[in-house]
Amino acid sequence: MRIVRAWNVSRDSLLGDRIRVANTHWTRLRGMLGRPNLDPGEGLLLDPCQSVHMYWMRYALDVAFLAEDGAVVAVYNELQPSRLSGRHNDAVRALELRAGTLEQSGTQVGDRIELKPVDI
């Protein structure tokens, strides 16, 4: 599975350096289900994605929805298990991170997130 680094260019802040990319039907469908809570720096990039659900999850996640150019179009801080995000028609992908990451970095709508491949 491909790994990327997510950098909030607007805040000069690293969001994660071990972000797995889920870009097939099956990897997006599975998402974070059945996986242990994320360590700092870990996450999942769902591509394409305009909404997420937290059914069957055991822990909260931060979610940032991104436009094609990396602009943040919606932010969910600590989206709880059994909840749904809204649908964001202007989003093309969703970045799921350890709960607290977006608040700690100050990430908000309008910020630009840069995604770069990580060599492993």
N, C-alpha and C. Protein backbone atom coordinates (compact mmCIF):
# COMPACT_ATOMS: atom_id res chain seq x y z
N MET A 1 0.84 -1.18 0.00
CA MET A 1 0.00 0.00 0.00
C MET A 1 0.89 1.24 0.00
N ARG A 2 0.49 2.22 -0.76
CA ARG A 2 1.25 3.47 -0.88
C ARG A 2 1.12 4.29 0.40
N ILE A 3 2.20 4.99 0.76
CA ILE A 3 2.26 5.83 1.95
C ILE A 3 2.57 7.26 1.51
N VAL A 4 1.86 8.24 2.13
CA VAL A 4 2.13 9.65 1.84
C VAL A 4 2.35 10.41 3.14
N ARG A 5 2.90 11.59 2.98
CA ARG A 5 3.08 12.54 4.08
C ARG A 5 2.09 13.67 3.85
N ALA A 6 1.42 14.11 4.91
CA ALA A 6 0.45 15.22 4.81
C ALA A 6 0.99 16.42 5.58
N TRP A 7 1.15 17.52 4.86
CA TRP A 7 1.70 18.74 5.42
C TRP A 7 0.69 19.87 5.23
N ASN A 8 0.32 20.54 6.32
CA ASN A 8 -0.55 21.70 6.22
C ASN A 8 0.33 22.90 5.88
N VAL A 9 0.31 23.27 4.61
CA VAL A 9 1.15 24.36 4.11
C VAL A 9 0.74 25.68 4.76
N SER A 10 -0.54 25.88 4.96
CA SER A 10 -1.06 27.13 5.53
C SER A 10 -0.61 27.35 6.96
N ARG A 11 -0.41 26.28 7.71
CA ARG A 11 -0.03 26.37 9.13
C ARG A 11 1.41 25.93 9.37
N ASP A 12 2.13 25.53 8.29
CA ASP A 12 3.49 25.03 8.40
C ASP A 12 3.56 23.93 9.47
N SER A 13 2.68 22.92 9.29
CA SER A 13 2.52 21.89 10.31
C SER A 13 2.39 20.51 9.68
N LEU A 14 3.14 19.55 10.21
CA LEU A 14 3.05 18.16 9.76
C LEU A 14 1.82 17.51 10.40
N LEU A 15 0.94 16.97 9.55
CA LEU A 15 -0.24 16.26 10.05
C LEU A 15 0.03 14.77 10.20
N GLY A 16 0.87 14.24 9.35
CA GLY A 16 1.21 12.82 9.42
C GLY A 16 2.26 12.47 8.40
N ASP A 17 3.12 11.53 8.77
CA ASP A 17 4.16 11.09 7.82
C ASP A 17 4.04 9.61 7.49
N ARG A 18 2.98 8.98 7.99
CA ARG A 18 2.71 7.58 7.68
C ARG A 18 1.22 7.42 7.38
N ILE A 19 0.80 8.06 6.30
CA ILE A 19 -0.59 8.05 5.89
C ILE A 19 -0.75 7.00 4.78
N ARG A 20 -1.51 5.95 5.07
CA ARG A 20 -1.77 4.92 4.06
C ARG A 20 -2.80 5.45 3.07
N VAL A 21 -2.66 5.09 1.81
CA VAL A 21 -3.59 5.53 0.77
C VAL A 21 -4.54 4.38 0.44
N ALA A 22 -5.83 4.65 0.59
CA ALA A 22 -6.87 3.69 0.23
C ALA A 22 -7.53 4.22 -1.04
N ASN A 23 -7.16 3.65 -2.17
CA ASN A 23 -7.65 4.17 -3.46
C ASN A 23 -8.26 3.09 -4.36
N THR A 24 -8.63 1.98 -3.75
CA THR A 24 -9.38 0.97 -4.48
C THR A 24 -10.71 0.77 -3.76
N HIS A 25 -11.66 0.15 -4.44
CA HIS A 25 -12.97 -0.09 -3.82
C HIS A 25 -12.82 -0.80 -2.48
N TRP A 26 -12.02 -1.85 -2.44
CA TRP A 26 -11.90 -2.67 -1.23
C TRP A 26 -11.15 -1.95 -0.12
N THR A 27 -10.08 -1.23 -0.44
CA THR A 27 -9.34 -0.54 0.62
C THR A 27 -10.14 0.63 1.18
N ARG A 28 -10.93 1.29 0.36
CA ARG A 28 -11.80 2.36 0.85
C ARG A 28 -12.95 1.80 1.67
N LEU A 29 -13.50 0.67 1.23
CA LEU A 29 -14.61 0.05 1.96
C LEU A 29 -14.15 -0.38 3.36
N ARG A 30 -12.97 -0.95 3.44
CA ARG A 30 -12.45 -1.39 4.75
C ARG A 30 -12.07 -0.20 5.61
N GLY A 31 -11.40 0.79 5.02
CA GLY A 31 -11.00 1.97 5.78
C GLY A 31 -10.23 1.60 7.02
N MET A 32 -10.69 2.11 8.16
CA MET A 32 -10.04 1.86 9.44
C MET A 32 -10.70 0.74 10.24
N LEU A 33 -11.71 0.09 9.68
CA LEU A 33 -12.43 -0.96 10.39
C LEU A 33 -11.50 -2.08 10.84
N GLY A 34 -11.61 -2.42 12.10
CA GLY A 34 -10.83 -3.53 12.65
C GLY A 34 -9.38 -3.21 12.92
N ARG A 35 -8.99 -1.99 12.71
CA ARG A 35 -7.59 -1.60 12.94
C ARG A 35 -7.46 -0.94 14.32
N PRO A 36 -6.30 -1.09 14.95
CA PRO A 36 -6.11 -0.44 16.24
C PRO A 36 -6.06 1.09 16.08
N ASN A 37 -6.24 1.79 17.19
CA ASN A 37 -6.17 3.25 17.16
C ASN A 37 -4.85 3.69 16.54
N LEU A 38 -4.89 4.82 15.87
CA LEU A 38 -3.71 5.33 15.18
C LEU A 38 -2.68 5.87 16.16
N ASP A 39 -1.42 5.66 15.83
CA ASP A 39 -0.33 6.31 16.56
C ASP A 39 -0.15 7.71 15.97
N PRO A 40 0.48 8.62 16.71
CA PRO A 40 0.76 9.94 16.14
C PRO A 40 1.53 9.78 14.82
N GLY A 41 1.12 10.56 13.82
CA GLY A 41 1.77 10.51 12.51
C GLY A 41 1.13 9.54 11.54
N GLU A 42 0.24 8.66 12.03
CA GLU A 42 -0.43 7.70 11.16
C GLU A 42 -1.77 8.25 10.70
N GLY A 43 -2.26 7.70 9.59
CA GLY A 43 -3.57 8.09 9.10
C GLY A 43 -3.95 7.28 7.88
N LEU A 44 -5.07 7.66 7.29
CA LEU A 44 -5.57 7.00 6.09
C LEU A 44 -6.12 8.07 5.16
N LEU A 45 -5.74 8.01 3.89
CA LEU A 45 -6.24 8.91 2.87
C LEU A 45 -7.20 8.12 1.98
N LEU A 46 -8.48 8.47 2.02
CA LEU A 46 -9.49 7.81 1.19
C LEU A 46 -9.63 8.61 -0.10
N ASP A 47 -9.37 7.97 -1.22
CA ASP A 47 -9.35 8.67 -2.50
C ASP A 47 -9.93 7.79 -3.60
N PRO A 48 -11.10 8.15 -4.13
CA PRO A 48 -11.91 9.35 -3.88
C PRO A 48 -12.81 9.15 -2.67
N CYS A 49 -13.30 10.27 -2.14
CA CYS A 49 -14.19 10.21 -0.98
C CYS A 49 -14.85 11.57 -0.75
N GLN A 50 -16.17 11.55 -0.53
CA GLN A 50 -16.91 12.78 -0.23
C GLN A 50 -17.65 12.70 1.11
N SER A 51 -17.66 11.53 1.74
CA SER A 51 -18.28 11.38 3.06
C SER A 51 -17.71 10.11 3.71
N VAL A 52 -17.77 10.07 5.04
CA VAL A 52 -17.31 8.89 5.76
C VAL A 52 -18.34 8.51 6.82
N HIS A 53 -18.29 7.25 7.25
CA HIS A 53 -19.10 6.80 8.37
C HIS A 53 -18.17 6.21 9.42
N MET A 54 -18.66 6.20 10.64
CA MET A 54 -17.87 5.67 11.75
C MET A 54 -18.55 4.45 12.38
N TYR A 55 -19.42 3.78 11.60
CA TYR A 55 -20.08 2.58 12.09
C TYR A 55 -19.04 1.50 12.38
N TRP A 56 -19.23 0.80 13.47
CA TRP A 56 -18.37 -0.30 13.91
C TRP A 56 -16.97 0.13 14.31
N MET A 57 -16.75 1.43 14.43
CA MET A 57 -15.45 1.92 14.92
C MET A 57 -15.46 1.92 16.44
N ARG A 58 -14.27 1.80 17.04
CA ARG A 58 -14.15 1.79 18.50
C ARG A 58 -13.55 3.07 19.05
N TYR A 59 -13.14 3.98 18.19
CA TYR A 59 -12.49 5.21 18.64
C TYR A 59 -12.80 6.33 17.65
N ALA A 60 -12.66 7.56 18.13
CA ALA A 60 -12.92 8.74 17.30
C ALA A 60 -11.74 9.00 16.37
N LEU A 61 -12.01 9.70 15.28
CA LEU A 61 -10.98 10.13 14.33
C LEU A 61 -11.21 11.59 13.97
N ASP A 62 -10.15 12.27 13.59
CA ASP A 62 -10.25 13.57 12.93
C ASP A 62 -10.34 13.32 11.44
N VAL A 63 -11.18 14.08 10.74
CA VAL A 63 -11.33 13.92 9.30
C VAL A 63 -11.29 15.29 8.64
N ALA A 64 -10.46 15.42 7.62
CA ALA A 64 -10.42 16.62 6.79
C ALA A 64 -10.76 16.21 5.37
N PHE A 65 -11.75 16.88 4.79
CA PHE A 65 -12.11 16.64 3.40
C PHE A 65 -11.35 17.64 2.53
N LEU A 66 -10.76 17.12 1.45
CA LEU A 66 -9.88 17.93 0.61
C LEU A 66 -10.40 18.06 -0.81
N ALA A 67 -10.27 19.26 -1.38
CA ALA A 67 -10.57 19.49 -2.79
C ALA A 67 -9.39 19.00 -3.62
N GLU A 68 -9.56 19.00 -4.92
CA GLU A 68 -8.50 18.54 -5.83
C GLU A 68 -7.18 19.25 -5.60
N ASP A 69 -7.23 20.56 -5.31
CA ASP A 69 -6.00 21.35 -5.11
C ASP A 69 -5.44 21.24 -3.69
N GLY A 70 -6.04 20.40 -2.84
CA GLY A 70 -5.56 20.23 -1.47
C GLY A 70 -6.21 21.17 -0.47
N ALA A 71 -7.11 22.02 -0.93
CA ALA A 71 -7.80 22.93 -0.01
C ALA A 71 -8.73 22.14 0.90
N VAL A 72 -8.72 22.47 2.17
CA VAL A 72 -9.61 21.82 3.15
C VAL A 72 -11.01 22.42 2.97
N VAL A 73 -11.98 21.55 2.68
CA VAL A 73 -13.36 22.02 2.47
C VAL A 73 -14.26 21.70 3.66
N ALA A 74 -13.83 20.81 4.55
CA ALA A 74 -14.58 20.50 5.77
C ALA A 74 -13.65 19.83 6.77
N VAL A 75 -13.91 20.08 8.05
CA VAL A 75 -13.12 19.51 9.13
C VAL A 75 -14.06 18.91 10.17
N TYR A 76 -13.75 17.70 10.59
CA TYR A 76 -14.47 17.04 11.68
C TYR A 76 -13.45 16.70 12.75
N ASN A 77 -13.53 17.39 13.87
CA ASN A 77 -12.65 17.10 15.01
C ASN A 77 -13.30 16.02 15.85
N GLU A 78 -12.59 14.94 16.07
CA GLU A 78 -13.04 13.84 16.92
C GLU A 78 -14.42 13.32 16.52
N LEU A 79 -14.55 12.92 15.26
CA LEU A 79 -15.79 12.29 14.78
C LEU A 79 -15.94 10.96 15.53
N GLN A 80 -17.03 10.82 16.24
CA GLN A 80 -17.22 9.71 17.16
C GLN A 80 -17.74 8.44 16.45
N PRO A 81 -17.50 7.27 17.07
CA PRO A 81 -18.06 6.03 16.54
C PRO A 81 -19.57 6.14 16.36
N SER A 82 -20.08 5.41 15.37
CA SER A 82 -21.51 5.36 15.02
C SER A 82 -22.05 6.67 14.45
N ARG A 83 -21.19 7.57 14.03
CA ARG A 83 -21.61 8.85 13.44
C ARG A 83 -21.29 8.88 11.95
N LEU A 84 -21.89 9.84 11.27
CA LEU A 84 -21.65 10.08 9.85
C LEU A 84 -21.12 11.49 9.67
N SER A 85 -20.27 11.66 8.68
CA SER A 85 -19.93 13.03 8.28
C SER A 85 -21.01 13.49 7.31
N GLY A 86 -21.00 14.75 7.00
CA GLY A 86 -21.85 15.23 5.92
C GLY A 86 -21.26 14.82 4.58
N ARG A 87 -22.01 15.03 3.53
CA ARG A 87 -21.50 14.79 2.18
C ARG A 87 -20.94 16.12 1.66
N HIS A 88 -19.74 16.07 1.12
CA HIS A 88 -19.06 17.27 0.65
C HIS A 88 -18.77 17.13 -0.84
N ASN A 89 -19.67 17.68 -1.64
CA ASN A 89 -19.57 17.52 -3.10
C ASN A 89 -18.32 18.16 -3.68
N ASP A 90 -17.74 19.12 -2.99
CA ASP A 90 -16.53 19.78 -3.49
C ASP A 90 -15.25 19.05 -3.05
N ALA A 91 -15.39 17.96 -2.31
CA ALA A 91 -14.24 17.17 -1.86
C ALA A 91 -13.96 16.05 -2.85
N VAL A 92 -12.68 15.69 -2.96
CA VAL A 92 -12.29 14.54 -3.78
C VAL A 92 -11.63 13.45 -2.94
N ARG A 93 -11.21 13.80 -1.72
CA ARG A 93 -10.59 12.81 -0.84
C ARG A 93 -10.81 13.21 0.61
N ALA A 94 -10.64 12.22 1.50
CA ALA A 94 -10.77 12.46 2.93
C ALA A 94 -9.50 11.97 3.63
N LEU A 95 -9.02 12.77 4.54
CA LEU A 95 -7.83 12.45 5.32
C LEU A 95 -8.27 12.14 6.74
N GLU A 96 -8.10 10.88 7.16
CA GLU A 96 -8.45 10.45 8.50
C GLU A 96 -7.18 10.39 9.35
N LEU A 97 -7.24 11.04 10.52
CA LEU A 97 -6.08 11.16 11.39
C LEU A 97 -6.46 10.83 12.82
N ARG A 98 -5.45 10.61 13.64
CA ARG A 98 -5.65 10.39 15.07
C ARG A 98 -6.43 11.57 15.65
N ALA A 99 -7.41 11.29 16.49
CA ALA A 99 -8.22 12.34 17.10
C ALA A 99 -7.32 13.34 17.83
N GLY A 100 -7.58 14.61 17.60
CA GLY A 100 -6.80 15.69 18.20
C GLY A 100 -5.76 16.30 17.28
N THR A 101 -5.42 15.62 16.20
CA THR A 101 -4.38 16.09 15.29
C THR A 101 -4.76 17.41 14.63
N LEU A 102 -6.00 17.52 14.13
CA LEU A 102 -6.39 18.74 13.41
C LEU A 102 -6.49 19.93 14.34
N GLU A 103 -7.02 19.72 15.54
CA GLU A 103 -7.11 20.82 16.50
C GLU A 103 -5.71 21.27 16.93
N GLN A 104 -4.85 20.31 17.20
CA GLN A 104 -3.49 20.63 17.65
C GLN A 104 -2.73 21.43 16.58
N SER A 105 -2.95 21.11 15.32
CA SER A 105 -2.26 21.81 14.24
C SER A 105 -2.96 23.10 13.84
N GLY A 106 -4.17 23.32 14.32
CA GLY A 106 -4.93 24.51 13.95
C GLY A 106 -5.57 24.41 12.57
N THR A 107 -5.61 23.21 12.01
CA THR A 107 -6.15 23.02 10.66
C THR A 107 -7.62 23.43 10.61
N GLN A 108 -7.98 24.21 9.58
CA GLN A 108 -9.35 24.66 9.41
C GLN A 108 -9.69 24.78 7.93
N VAL A 109 -10.97 24.96 7.66
CA VAL A 109 -11.45 25.11 6.29
C VAL A 109 -10.68 26.26 5.63
N GLY A 110 -10.23 26.00 4.40
CA GLY A 110 -9.47 26.99 3.65
C GLY A 110 -7.98 26.73 3.65
N ASP A 111 -7.47 26.00 4.64
CA ASP A 111 -6.04 25.64 4.65
C ASP A 111 -5.74 24.76 3.45
N ARG A 112 -4.47 24.69 3.06
CA ARG A 112 -4.06 23.82 1.96
C ARG A 112 -3.16 22.72 2.49
N ILE A 113 -3.52 21.48 2.15
CA ILE A 113 -2.76 20.30 2.57
C ILE A 113 -1.99 19.77 1.37
N GLU A 114 -0.71 19.56 1.57
CA GLU A 114 0.15 19.01 0.54
C GLU A 114 0.42 17.55 0.87
N LEU A 115 0.20 16.68 -0.11
CA LEU A 115 0.43 15.25 0.05
C LEU A 115 1.61 14.83 -0.82
N LYS A 116 2.60 14.20 -0.21
CA LYS A 116 3.79 13.77 -0.94
C LYS A 116 4.08 12.30 -0.62
N PRO A 117 4.47 11.53 -1.63
CA PRO A 117 4.82 10.12 -1.40
C PRO A 117 5.99 9.99 -0.42
N VAL A 118 5.96 8.93 0.37
CA VAL A 118 7.03 8.62 1.30
C VAL A 118 7.73 7.38 0.80
N ASP A 119 9.05 7.43 0.71
CA ASP A 119 9.82 6.26 0.32
C ASP A 119 10.00 5.35 1.52
N ILE A 120 9.59 4.09 1.36
CA ILE A 120 9.76 3.14 2.47
C ILE A 120 10.57 1.95 2.02
